Protein backbone atom coordinates (compact mmCIF):
# COMPACT_ATOMS: atom_id res chain seq x y z
CA MET A 1 3.88 -6.87 -9.52
CA THR A 2 7.02 -5.88 -7.63
CA ASP A 3 10.15 -7.20 -8.87
CA LEU A 4 11.18 -10.63 -8.04
CA ARG A 5 14.98 -9.44 -7.20
CA HIS A 6 13.38 -6.65 -4.82
CA ILE A 7 11.28 -9.53 -3.46
CA ASP A 8 14.09 -11.65 -2.76
CA ALA A 9 16.26 -8.96 -0.98
CA LEU A 10 13.67 -8.20 1.18
CA VAL A 11 12.62 -11.65 2.15
CA THR A 12 16.44 -12.32 2.75
CA ALA A 13 16.88 -9.79 5.13
CA ALA A 14 13.49 -10.41 6.83
CA LEU A 15 14.57 -14.28 7.00
CA HIS A 16 18.20 -13.51 8.27
CA GLU A 17 16.37 -11.10 10.67
CA ASP A 18 14.52 -13.97 12.66
CA ALA A 19 17.11 -16.51 12.32
CA PRO A 20 20.58 -15.08 11.90
CA TRP A 21 22.03 -18.49 13.09
CA GLY A 22 19.81 -20.98 12.20
CA ASP A 23 16.20 -22.07 13.79
CA LEU A 24 17.52 -23.35 17.06
CA THR A 25 14.22 -25.03 17.85
CA SER A 26 13.51 -27.02 14.94
CA GLU A 27 17.49 -28.25 14.57
CA ALA A 28 17.26 -29.55 17.72
CA LEU A 29 13.83 -31.32 17.82
CA ILE A 30 12.81 -32.10 14.14
CA PRO A 31 14.53 -35.04 12.07
CA ALA A 32 16.27 -33.70 9.34
CA ASP A 33 14.34 -35.72 6.36
CA ALA A 34 11.02 -34.58 8.45
CA MET A 35 8.41 -33.49 5.98
CA LEU A 36 5.09 -31.61 6.65
CA ASP A 37 1.88 -30.50 4.63
CA ALA A 38 0.38 -27.06 5.79
CA ARG A 39 -2.21 -24.61 4.61
CA LEU A 40 -2.21 -21.21 4.80
CA VAL A 41 -6.37 -20.71 6.38
CA ALA A 42 -7.92 -17.62 6.87
CA ARG A 43 -9.28 -16.43 10.02
CA GLU A 44 -11.43 -13.67 8.60
CA PRO A 45 -12.64 -12.63 5.34
CA GLY A 46 -10.64 -10.14 3.19
CA VAL A 47 -8.89 -9.35 0.03
CA PHE A 48 -5.68 -11.28 -1.05
CA SER A 49 -1.80 -9.65 -1.48
CA GLY A 50 1.20 -10.86 -1.47
CA SER A 51 1.74 -13.95 -3.25
CA GLU A 52 4.84 -13.89 -4.63
CA VAL A 53 6.45 -12.68 -0.98
CA PHE A 54 4.64 -15.34 0.95
CA SER A 55 6.11 -18.21 -1.40
CA ALA A 56 9.68 -16.45 -1.56
CA ALA A 57 9.87 -17.08 2.12
CA PHE A 58 9.78 -20.53 1.59
CA ARG A 59 11.51 -20.86 -1.81
CA LEU A 60 14.48 -18.75 -0.01
CA ILE A 61 15.02 -21.73 2.77
CA ASP A 62 14.16 -24.60 0.82
CA PRO A 63 13.68 -24.80 -3.18
CA ARG A 64 12.32 -27.97 -2.17
CA ILE A 65 9.33 -26.83 -0.59
CA ARG A 66 6.22 -26.50 -2.79
CA VAL A 67 3.87 -23.74 -2.48
CA GLN A 68 0.47 -23.96 -4.44
CA LEU A 69 -1.54 -20.59 -4.20
CA LEU A 70 -5.40 -21.40 -4.21
CA VAL A 71 -6.13 -17.81 -4.61
CA ALA A 72 -4.77 -15.08 -6.90
CA ASP A 73 -3.64 -11.43 -5.73
CA SER A 74 -6.64 -8.85 -5.61
CA GLU A 75 -8.88 -12.14 -5.29
CA ARG A 76 -11.37 -12.14 -2.45
CA PHE A 77 -12.14 -14.82 0.20
CA GLU A 78 -13.92 -15.98 3.12
CA SER A 79 -13.13 -16.97 6.62
CA GLY A 80 -12.37 -20.54 6.65
CA ASP A 81 -10.99 -20.58 2.95
CA VAL A 82 -7.77 -22.39 2.59
CA LEU A 83 -5.57 -19.79 0.40
CA ALA A 84 -2.65 -21.88 -0.32
CA GLU A 85 -1.14 -25.33 0.47
CA VAL A 86 2.85 -25.86 1.43
CA ALA A 87 4.57 -28.65 1.47
CA GLY A 88 8.20 -30.09 1.88
CA PRO A 89 10.69 -30.24 4.72
CA ALA A 90 9.52 -29.42 7.89
CA ARG A 91 12.54 -27.53 9.44
CA GLY A 92 12.28 -25.11 6.40
CA ILE A 93 8.96 -24.71 6.23
CA LEU A 94 8.73 -23.84 10.30
CA ARG A 95 11.61 -21.52 9.61
CA ALA A 96 10.03 -19.96 6.98
CA GLU A 97 6.38 -19.62 8.33
CA ARG A 98 6.49 -16.51 10.47
CA ILE A 99 8.21 -14.34 7.83
CA GLY A 100 5.74 -15.67 5.09
CA LEU A 101 3.07 -14.78 7.24
CA ASN A 102 4.28 -11.50 8.51
CA PHE A 103 4.23 -10.28 5.00
CA VAL A 104 0.87 -12.15 3.52
CA GLN A 105 -1.09 -10.95 6.79
CA ARG A 106 0.04 -7.03 6.15
CA MET A 107 -0.15 -7.06 2.55
CA SER A 108 -3.74 -8.41 2.61
CA GLY A 109 -4.82 -6.42 5.77
CA ILE A 110 -3.69 -3.30 2.96
CA ALA A 111 -5.99 -4.62 0.15
CA THR A 112 -8.69 -5.45 2.34
CA GLN A 113 -9.12 -1.85 3.80
CA THR A 114 -8.23 -0.51 0.62
CA ALA A 115 -11.17 -2.47 -1.25
CA ARG A 116 -13.50 -1.23 1.50
CA PHE A 117 -12.62 2.69 0.79
CA VAL A 118 -12.70 1.68 -3.03
CA ALA A 119 -16.28 0.39 -2.43
CA ALA A 120 -17.62 3.25 -0.53
CA VAL A 121 -16.85 6.05 -3.37
CA ALA A 122 -18.24 3.56 -6.09
CA GLY A 123 -20.13 5.52 -8.68
CA THR A 124 -18.53 8.93 -7.88
CA GLY A 125 -15.82 9.15 -10.10
CA ALA A 126 -12.79 9.83 -7.73
CA ARG A 127 -10.24 7.52 -6.90
CA ILE A 128 -8.64 6.22 -3.96
CA VAL A 129 -4.92 6.75 -3.71
CA ASP A 130 -2.20 5.88 -1.37
CA THR A 131 0.56 8.22 0.19
CA ARG A 132 4.44 7.79 1.25
CA LYS A 133 3.27 7.24 4.75
CA THR A 134 4.22 3.72 4.30
CA THR A 135 6.92 1.17 6.45
CA PRO A 136 10.25 2.22 5.64
CA GLY A 137 11.71 -0.30 3.34
CA LEU A 138 8.40 -1.87 2.37
CA ARG A 139 6.93 1.05 -0.10
CA LEU A 140 6.94 -1.23 -3.15
CA LEU A 141 4.92 -4.07 -1.55
CA GLU A 142 2.52 -1.68 0.16
CA ARG A 143 1.90 -0.10 -2.84
CA GLN A 144 1.42 -3.58 -4.46
CA ALA A 145 -1.07 -4.54 -1.74
CA VAL A 146 -3.17 -0.98 -2.31
CA HIS A 147 -3.14 -2.02 -6.36
CA ASP A 148 -4.33 -5.37 -5.61
CA GLY A 149 -7.28 -3.76 -3.29
CA GLY A 150 -8.56 -1.72 -6.04
CA GLY A 151 -6.76 1.75 -5.32
CA ARG A 152 -4.07 3.36 -7.18
CA ASN A 153 -0.62 4.59 -6.45
CA HIS A 154 0.30 8.22 -5.61
CA ARG A 155 3.92 9.33 -6.44
CA THR A 156 6.41 6.23 -5.09
CA THR A 157 9.28 8.77 -4.42
CA LEU A 158 10.43 12.25 -3.88
CA SER A 159 12.10 11.69 -7.26
CA ASP A 160 8.87 10.81 -9.17
CA ALA A 161 6.84 14.07 -9.49
CA VAL A 162 6.83 17.44 -8.13
CA MET A 163 4.56 18.19 -5.14
CA VAL A 164 4.69 21.58 -3.68
CA LYS A 165 3.53 21.72 -0.08
CA ASP A 166 3.19 24.42 2.37
CA ASN A 167 6.61 24.67 3.77
CA HIS A 168 8.06 24.74 0.11
CA LEU A 169 5.39 27.87 -0.67
CA ALA A 170 6.81 29.22 3.07
CA ALA A 171 10.19 29.07 1.97
CA VAL A 172 9.44 30.89 -1.47
CA ILE A 173 7.70 33.57 -0.02
CA GLY A 174 10.30 34.25 2.52
CA ALA A 175 12.98 34.39 -0.44
CA GLY A 176 10.71 37.23 -1.91
CA LEU A 177 8.92 35.78 -4.98
CA THR A 178 4.95 35.42 -5.55
CA VAL A 179 3.91 31.91 -5.28
CA THR A 180 3.15 32.09 -9.39
CA GLU A 181 6.22 33.49 -10.11
CA ALA A 182 8.15 30.90 -8.15
CA LEU A 183 6.15 28.38 -10.05
CA VAL A 184 6.39 29.33 -13.47
CA GLN A 185 10.30 29.35 -12.67
CA MET A 186 10.15 26.07 -11.06
CA ARG A 187 7.99 24.71 -14.48
CA ALA A 188 10.71 25.96 -16.52
CA ARG A 189 13.57 24.03 -15.26
CA LEU A 190 11.58 20.55 -15.03
CA PRO A 191 11.30 17.90 -18.20
CA HIS A 192 8.48 18.87 -19.84
CA THR A 193 6.65 15.24 -18.54
CA ALA A 194 6.97 15.89 -15.43
CA HIS A 195 3.89 16.33 -13.35
CA VAL A 196 3.42 19.11 -10.98
CA GLU A 197 0.94 18.84 -7.87
CA VAL A 198 0.74 21.87 -5.19
CA GLU A 199 -0.88 21.95 -1.97
CA VAL A 200 -3.21 24.22 -0.86
CA ASP A 201 -5.23 24.99 2.54
CA ARG A 202 -7.11 27.79 1.89
CA LEU A 203 -9.26 28.95 -1.08
CA ASP A 204 -7.80 32.32 -1.96
CA GLN A 205 -4.33 30.71 -2.52
CA ILE A 206 -6.23 29.17 -5.83
CA PRO A 207 -5.95 31.53 -8.32
CA ALA A 208 -2.39 31.94 -7.88
CA VAL A 209 -1.75 28.24 -8.19
CA LEU A 210 -3.96 27.66 -11.37
CA ALA A 211 -2.15 31.01 -13.06
CA ALA A 212 0.87 28.96 -12.79
CA GLY A 213 -0.37 26.14 -15.07
CA VAL A 214 -0.16 23.22 -12.68
CA GLY A 215 -1.30 19.63 -13.10
CA THR A 216 -2.98 19.02 -9.77
CA VAL A 217 -4.14 21.10 -6.75
CA MET A 218 -4.33 19.02 -3.49
CA LEU A 219 -7.19 20.91 -1.20
CA ASP A 220 -5.47 19.86 1.94
CA ASN A 221 -7.93 19.71 5.33
CA PHE A 222 -10.71 21.06 3.56
CA THR A 223 -14.21 20.99 5.16
CA LEU A 224 -17.21 19.23 2.40
CA ASP A 225 -18.29 22.98 1.58
CA GLY A 226 -14.67 23.56 1.36
CA LEU A 227 -14.31 21.03 -1.31
CA ARG A 228 -17.24 22.31 -3.58
CA GLN A 229 -16.15 25.68 -3.45
CA GLY A 230 -12.34 24.79 -4.56
CA VAL A 231 -13.56 22.35 -7.43
CA GLY A 232 -15.98 24.76 -8.63
CA LEU A 233 -13.09 27.43 -8.54
CA ILE A 234 -10.70 25.32 -10.35
CA ALA A 235 -13.29 24.31 -12.87
CA GLY A 236 -11.34 21.62 -14.47
CA ALA A 237 -8.35 23.90 -14.86
CA ALA A 238 -6.31 20.99 -13.32
CA LEU A 239 -6.93 17.91 -11.56
CA VAL A 240 -8.44 17.98 -8.00
CA GLU A 241 -6.76 16.11 -4.80
CA ALA A 242 -8.53 15.83 -1.51
CA SER A 243 -6.13 15.07 1.54
CA GLY A 244 -6.21 14.89 5.42
CA GLY A 245 -7.92 13.17 7.91
CA VAL A 246 -9.79 10.93 5.49
CA ASP A 247 -11.43 7.85 6.80
CA LEU A 248 -14.22 5.29 6.09
CA ASP A 249 -17.03 7.49 7.43
CA SER A 250 -16.12 10.74 5.76
CA VAL A 251 -14.91 9.38 2.23
CA ALA A 252 -17.70 8.99 0.48
CA GLY A 253 -19.07 12.66 1.15
CA ILE A 254 -15.69 13.78 0.26
CA ALA A 255 -15.91 12.02 -2.83
CA ALA A 256 -19.32 13.21 -3.22
CA THR A 257 -18.05 16.87 -3.83
CA GLY A 258 -16.25 16.46 -7.09
CA VAL A 259 -12.96 15.58 -6.51
CA ASP A 260 -10.84 13.59 -8.67
CA VAL A 261 -8.40 12.35 -6.22
CA ILE A 262 -8.64 11.36 -2.46
CA SER A 263 -5.29 10.20 -1.04
CA VAL A 264 -5.65 8.07 2.21
CA GLY A 265 -2.60 8.10 4.45
CA ALA A 266 -4.61 5.42 6.77
CA LEU A 267 -4.26 2.70 3.71
CA THR A 268 -0.70 1.96 4.93
CA HIS A 269 0.41 3.84 8.23
CA SER A 270 -2.30 2.61 10.61
CA VAL A 271 -3.66 -0.86 8.96
CA ARG A 272 -4.36 -3.67 10.62
CA SER A 273 -2.54 -7.27 9.31
CA LEU A 274 -5.17 -9.50 8.30
CA ASP A 275 -5.70 -12.64 10.58
CA LEU A 276 -4.27 -15.58 8.52
CA GLY A 277 -2.64 -18.78 9.78
CA LEU A 278 -0.58 -21.60 8.73
CA ASP A 279 -2.19 -24.75 10.06
CA VAL A 280 -0.60 -28.16 9.61
CA ALA A 281 -2.94 -30.32 7.84
CA PRO A 282 -5.28 -32.20 9.81
CA GLU A 283 -4.28 -35.80 8.67
CA GLN A 284 -0.75 -34.88 10.48
CA VAL A 285 -2.25 -34.25 13.70
CA ALA A 286 -2.01 -37.14 16.14
CA VAL A 287 -4.97 -37.89 17.80
CA PRO A 288 -4.66 -39.07 21.48
């Protein structure tokens, strides 16, 4: 799980953004000693993610608030299931409610969508991975949600691995080097543990890339036939990653071409937050 210090920093910033000078409504309306019981309820089925972040929202507002999680991260649930119980000072619960929900709804949405992609490629040997197309500042949380959904994580930052893309290659060719020469020189400058991946968008680029001894070749926006040919040309000399325009309708066909990795930006850049709600316990609702 993401480091708790990182979680606390993100949640603290979100809480301050939401109530920079306090919760005007609750402080004016709710007695200071009022207590409240509430439940995190699923409005639709999904895969849970964000337990630590949800809990942190309440803990950081008031340590007297108790959060009891009834499902674990990566666990599936159905519509109507109670996912957590929250009890404690009413003002604190109401102040933290929206921030806790925002995080857990988004993370559970990512986990749920990831699980759909993973299920679609089951039995093929291809693994689903995320990309760097994440919400600025929230990458580690969104990566955790992908993991909770059964997916894998690509490089987290530009500092983690080498990925040579089309713009890099254009700059190299403009400097008068061949692709193979440039990649060989680059590898000589890197630590021996650094993984090197190179993106290609045409089959005729593959031999020059393989000649440099790279670890992964990314086939970007290839047709299914092109992917099959690419897998055949690479023939186990490197991992093969497929990328570009992947959705739930196309992912199974892509996996069937024999690629090792399928990167899916849609896991994080356009996912819909799951519909979860924090409901006050029925016994606290006044009946006329």
